[in-house]
Amino acid sequence: MSAVANPATVAECLRVGAGFSQGDRNWIAEQFATLDARLAGFHADATELEVSVKDREARGQKVTLECWIAGRQKIVTTSAEEDLHAALNDVRDDLRRRLNDAKTRQEPRNNKRLRDTGQPEAGQPEAGPDGGDLDDDAPRADAGTA
């Protein structure tokens, strides 16, 4: 990935939603600091994170972390952990996994495992069930006349 002039960071992109106060923001940003390395590949002005909690400190609390990155689908992670600290770590780790998965899907040319699965390269015919080209019956443009 090319270098980004203004890389995204949690501290710059995070906003707190329902259930959290502005005073909780610094504590949450510290918990999410490990996301900085993953977010650094995106522009700060095109990245947003929002964390919210429903029924905070109650038995059925639900923490939600939403991530918007320009040009990509919104990613939403949730956790129903009863401990708030554990729930925040859960949504953080899930977001990191999903960002990594999205990157792998978008850039398979840089993923050796995806390259080695035998996917046909551009301009090369796919193999049929007998191992031959699927278009064996098609006339060849390079075939000479007898």
C-alpha atoms as a PDB file:
ATOM      1  CA  MET A   1       0.000   0.000   0.000  1.00  0.00           C
ATOM      2  CA  SER A   2       1.319   3.426  -0.807  1.00  0.00           C
ATOM      3  CA  ALA A   3       2.235   5.859   1.929  1.00  0.00           C
ATOM      4  CA  VAL A   4      -0.623   7.990   3.195  1.00  0.00           C
ATOM      5  CA  ALA A   5       0.073  11.692   3.795  1.00  0.00           C
ATOM      6  CA  ASN A   6      -2.289  11.965   6.789  1.00  0.00           C
ATOM      7  CA  PRO A   7      -2.697   8.442   8.250  1.00  0.00           C
ATOM      8  CA  ALA A   8      -5.766   7.601  10.319  1.00  0.00           C
ATOM      9  CA  THR A   9      -5.374   7.029  14.049  1.00  0.00           C
ATOM     10  CA  VAL A  10      -7.895   6.002  16.660  1.00  0.00           C
ATOM     11  CA  ALA A  11      -7.310   9.220  18.619  1.00  0.00           C
ATOM     12  CA  GLU A  12      -8.121  11.299  15.537  1.00  0.00           C
ATOM     13  CA  CYS A  13     -11.040   9.278  14.124  1.00  0.00           C
ATOM     14  CA  LEU A  14     -12.875   7.973  17.211  1.00  0.00           C
ATOM     15  CA  ARG A  15     -16.103   9.466  18.443  1.00  0.00           C
ATOM     16  CA  VAL A  16     -18.184   8.153  21.299  1.00  0.00           C
ATOM     17  CA  GLY A  17     -21.856   7.461  20.863  1.00  0.00           C
ATOM     18  CA  ALA A  18     -24.730   6.533  23.126  1.00  0.00           C
ATOM     19  CA  GLY A  19     -23.807   5.188  26.535  1.00  0.00           C
ATOM     20  CA  PHE A  20     -20.378   6.819  26.692  1.00  0.00           C
ATOM     21  CA  SER A  21     -19.400  10.300  27.800  1.00  0.00           C
ATOM     22  CA  GLN A  22     -16.712  12.476  26.297  1.00  0.00           C
ATOM     23  CA  GLY A  23     -14.687  11.692  29.443  1.00  0.00           C
ATOM     24  CA  ASP A  24     -14.633   7.997  28.434  1.00  0.00           C
ATOM     25  CA  ARG A  25     -13.151   8.833  25.034  1.00  0.00           C
ATOM     26  CA  ASN A  26      -9.467   8.932  26.108  1.00  0.00           C
ATOM     27  CA  TRP A  27      -9.782   5.648  28.017  1.00  0.00           C
ATOM     28  CA  ILE A  28     -11.418   3.977  25.001  1.00  0.00           C
ATOM     29  CA  ALA A  29      -8.830   5.437  22.607  1.00  0.00           C
ATOM     30  CA  GLU A  30      -6.104   3.851  24.766  1.00  0.00           C
ATOM     31  CA  GLN A  31      -7.890   0.490  24.574  1.00  0.00           C
ATOM     32  CA  PHE A  32      -8.125   0.797  20.782  1.00  0.00           C
ATOM     33  CA  ALA A  33      -4.559   2.087  20.241  1.00  0.00           C
ATOM     34  CA  THR A  34      -3.480  -1.242  18.721  1.00  0.00           C
ATOM     35  CA  LEU A  35      -5.773  -0.458  15.763  1.00  0.00           C
ATOM     36  CA  ASP A  36      -3.510   2.442  14.769  1.00  0.00           C
ATOM     37  CA  ALA A  37      -1.156   0.210  12.798  1.00  0.00           C
ATOM     38  CA  ARG A  38      -4.076  -1.211  10.797  1.00  0.00           C
ATOM     39  CA  LEU A  39      -5.714   2.186  10.224  1.00  0.00           C
ATOM     40  CA  ALA A  40      -2.449   3.865   9.151  1.00  0.00           C
ATOM     41  CA  GLY A  41      -3.027   2.746   5.559  1.00  0.00           C
ATOM     42  CA  PHE A  42      -6.122   4.939   5.274  1.00  0.00           C
ATOM     43  CA  HIS A  43      -6.500   8.717   5.140  1.00  0.00           C
ATOM     44  CA  ALA A  44      -7.616  10.277   8.430  1.00  0.00           C
ATOM     45  CA  ASP A  45     -10.126  12.554   6.710  1.00  0.00           C
ATOM     46  CA  ALA A  46     -11.781   9.529   5.068  1.00  0.00           C
ATOM     47  CA  THR A  47     -11.964   7.309   8.175  1.00  0.00           C
ATOM     48  CA  GLU A  48     -14.431   7.371  11.059  1.00  0.00           C
ATOM     49  CA  LEU A  49     -14.889   5.155  14.114  1.00  0.00           C
ATOM     50  CA  GLU A  50     -17.843   5.279  16.489  1.00  0.00           C
ATOM     51  CA  VAL A  51     -18.255   3.230  19.646  1.00  0.00           C
ATOM     52  CA  SER A  52     -21.516   3.014  21.576  1.00  0.00           C
ATOM     53  CA  VAL A  53     -23.000   0.891  24.317  1.00  0.00           C
ATOM     54  CA  LYS A  54     -26.606  -0.052  24.993  1.00  0.00           C
ATOM     55  CA  ASP A  55     -27.671  -0.781  28.578  1.00  0.00           C
ATOM     56  CA  ARG A  56     -24.227   0.004  30.002  1.00  0.00           C
ATOM     57  CA  GLU A  57     -23.236  -2.080  33.014  1.00  0.00           C
ATOM     58  CA  ALA A  58     -26.511  -4.022  32.850  1.00  0.00           C
ATOM     59  CA  ARG A  59     -26.772  -7.760  32.234  1.00  0.00           C
ATOM     60  CA  GLY A  60     -27.721  -7.359  28.576  1.00  0.00           C
ATOM     61  CA  GLN A  61     -25.254  -4.628  27.602  1.00  0.00           C
ATOM     62  CA  LYS A  62     -24.193  -4.521  23.970  1.00  0.00           C
ATOM     63  CA  VAL A  63     -21.108  -2.658  22.708  1.00  0.00           C
ATOM     64  CA  THR A  64     -21.031  -1.652  19.038  1.00  0.00           C
ATOM     65  CA  LEU A  65     -18.039  -0.377  17.069  1.00  0.00           C
ATOM     66  CA  GLU A  66     -18.698   1.040  13.602  1.00  0.00           C
ATOM     67  CA  CYS A  67     -16.005   1.862  11.075  1.00  0.00           C
ATOM     68  CA  TRP A  68     -16.475   3.932   7.931  1.00  0.00           C
ATOM     69  CA  ILE A  69     -13.651   4.132   5.400  1.00  0.00           C
ATOM     70  CA  ALA A  70     -14.257   5.983   2.142  1.00  0.00           C
ATOM     71  CA  GLY A  71     -14.628   3.621  -0.790  1.00  0.00           C
ATOM     72  CA  ARG A  72     -15.356   0.572   1.393  1.00  0.00           C
ATOM     73  CA  GLN A  73     -18.384  -0.964   3.030  1.00  0.00           C
ATOM     74  CA  LYS A  74     -19.165   0.023   6.602  1.00  0.00           C
ATOM     75  CA  ILE A  75     -17.885  -2.503   9.147  1.00  0.00           C
ATOM     76  CA  VAL A  76     -19.935  -3.102  12.295  1.00  0.00           C
ATOM     77  CA  THR A  77     -18.706  -5.229  15.186  1.00  0.00           C
ATOM     78  CA  THR A  78     -20.643  -5.998  18.360  1.00  0.00           C
ATOM     79  CA  SER A  79     -20.060  -7.683  21.681  1.00  0.00           C
ATOM     80  CA  ALA A  80     -22.422  -8.822  24.422  1.00  0.00           C
ATOM     81  CA  GLU A  81     -19.645  -9.378  26.998  1.00  0.00           C
ATOM     82  CA  GLU A  82     -20.844  -8.379  30.473  1.00  0.00           C
ATOM     83  CA  ASP A  83     -17.517  -6.747  31.395  1.00  0.00           C
ATOM     84  CA  LEU A  84     -17.184  -3.402  29.585  1.00  0.00           C
ATOM     85  CA  HIS A  85     -13.396  -3.688  29.262  1.00  0.00           C
ATOM     86  CA  ALA A  86     -13.705  -7.194  27.756  1.00  0.00           C
ATOM     87  CA  ALA A  87     -16.462  -6.027  25.398  1.00  0.00           C
ATOM     88  CA  LEU A  88     -14.328  -3.136  24.126  1.00  0.00           C
ATOM     89  CA  ASN A  89     -11.407  -5.508  23.534  1.00  0.00           C
ATOM     90  CA  ASP A  90     -13.740  -7.925  21.749  1.00  0.00           C
ATOM     91  CA  VAL A  91     -15.067  -5.323  19.266  1.00  0.00           C
ATOM     92  CA  ARG A  92     -11.528  -3.938  18.746  1.00  0.00           C
ATOM     93  CA  ASP A  93     -10.114  -7.381  17.905  1.00  0.00           C
ATOM     94  CA  ASP A  94     -13.061  -8.193  15.647  1.00  0.00           C
ATOM     95  CA  LEU A  95     -12.605  -4.923  13.747  1.00  0.00           C
ATOM     96  CA  ARG A  96      -8.906  -5.640  13.265  1.00  0.00           C
ATOM     97  CA  ARG A  97      -9.734  -9.114  11.874  1.00  0.00           C
ATOM     98  CA  ARG A  98     -12.357  -7.720   9.526  1.00  0.00           C
ATOM     99  CA  LEU A  99     -10.059  -4.966   8.264  1.00  0.00           C
ATOM    100  CA  ASN A 100      -7.384  -7.584   7.572  1.00  0.00           C
ATOM    101  CA  ASP A 101      -9.926  -9.797   5.771  1.00  0.00           C
ATOM    102  CA  ALA A 102     -11.151  -6.866   3.685  1.00  0.00           C
ATOM    103  CA  LYS A 103      -7.600  -5.996   2.705  1.00  0.00           C
ATOM    104  CA  THR A 104      -6.887  -9.595   1.705  1.00  0.00           C
ATOM    105  CA  ARG A 105     -10.056  -9.756  -0.412  1.00  0.00           C
ATOM    106  CA  GLN A 106      -9.274  -6.450  -2.103  1.00  0.00           C
ATOM    107  CA  GLU A 107      -5.621  -7.228  -2.831  1.00  0.00           C
ATOM    108  CA  PRO A 108      -5.281 -10.962  -3.569  1.00  0.00           C
ATOM    109  CA  ARG A 109      -2.312 -10.302  -5.855  1.00  0.00           C
ATOM    110  CA  ASN A 110      -0.291  -9.637  -2.699  1.00  0.00           C
ATOM    111  CA  ASN A 111      -1.542 -12.769  -0.936  1.00  0.00           C
ATOM    112  CA  LYS A 112       0.588 -15.827  -1.732  1.00  0.00           C
ATOM    113  CA  ARG A 113      -2.078 -18.255  -0.522  1.00  0.00           C
ATOM    114  CA  LEU A 114      -4.655 -16.829  -2.943  1.00  0.00           C
ATOM    115  CA  ARG A 115      -2.143 -16.736  -5.816  1.00  0.00           C
ATOM    116  CA  ASP A 116      -1.187 -20.381  -5.311  1.00  0.00           C
ATOM    117  CA  THR A 117      -4.749 -21.737  -5.490  1.00  0.00           C
ATOM    118  CA  GLY A 118      -4.434 -22.003  -9.252  1.00  0.00           C
ATOM    119  CA  GLN A 119      -6.650 -19.096 -10.193  1.00  0.00           C
ATOM    120  CA  PRO A 120      -6.188 -18.420 -13.902  1.00  0.00           C
ATOM    121  CA  GLU A 121      -4.242 -15.321 -14.749  1.00  0.00           C
ATOM    122  CA  ALA A 122      -5.727 -12.661 -16.968  1.00  0.00           C
ATOM    123  CA  GLY A 123      -5.601 -13.700 -20.600  1.00  0.00           C
ATOM    124  CA  GLN A 124      -5.087 -17.395 -19.846  1.00  0.00           C
ATOM    125  CA  PRO A 125      -7.894 -19.893 -20.518  1.00  0.00           C
ATOM    126  CA  GLU A 126      -9.427 -21.808 -17.632  1.00  0.00           C
ATOM    127  CA  ALA A 127      -8.842 -25.541 -17.477  1.00  0.00           C
ATOM    128  CA  GLY A 128     -11.818 -27.806 -18.111  1.00  0.00           C
ATOM    129  CA  PRO A 129     -12.688 -30.971 -16.160  1.00  0.00           C
ATOM    130  CA  ASP A 130     -10.365 -33.087 -18.352  1.00  0.00           C
ATOM    131  CA  GLY A 131      -7.459 -30.693 -17.760  1.00  0.00           C
ATOM    132  CA  GLY A 132      -7.690 -29.199 -21.250  1.00  0.00           C
ATOM    133  CA  ASP A 133      -8.687 -25.641 -22.058  1.00  0.00           C
ATOM    134  CA  LEU A 134     -12.400 -24.890 -21.819  1.00  0.00           C
ATOM    135  CA  ASP A 135     -12.290 -23.397 -25.304  1.00  0.00           C
ATOM    136  CA  ASP A 136     -10.549 -26.384 -27.011  1.00  0.00           C
ATOM    137  CA  ASP A 137     -13.299 -26.536 -29.637  1.00  0.00           C
ATOM    138  CA  ALA A 138     -12.964 -22.873 -30.522  1.00  0.00           C
ATOM    139  CA  PRO A 139     -11.005 -22.136 -33.697  1.00  0.00           C
ATOM    140  CA  ARG A 140      -7.475 -20.960 -33.003  1.00  0.00           C
ATOM    141  CA  ALA A 141      -6.505 -17.581 -34.289  1.00  0.00           C
ATOM    142  CA  ASP A 142      -2.851 -18.651 -34.552  1.00  0.00           C
ATOM    143  CA  ALA A 143      -3.535 -21.929 -36.369  1.00  0.00           C
ATOM    144  CA  GLY A 144      -2.055 -22.022 -39.841  1.00  0.00           C
ATOM    145  CA  THR A 145      -3.891 -23.315 -42.888  1.00  0.00           C
ATOM    146  CA  ALA A 146      -2.833 -26.575 -44.482  1.00  0.00           C
END
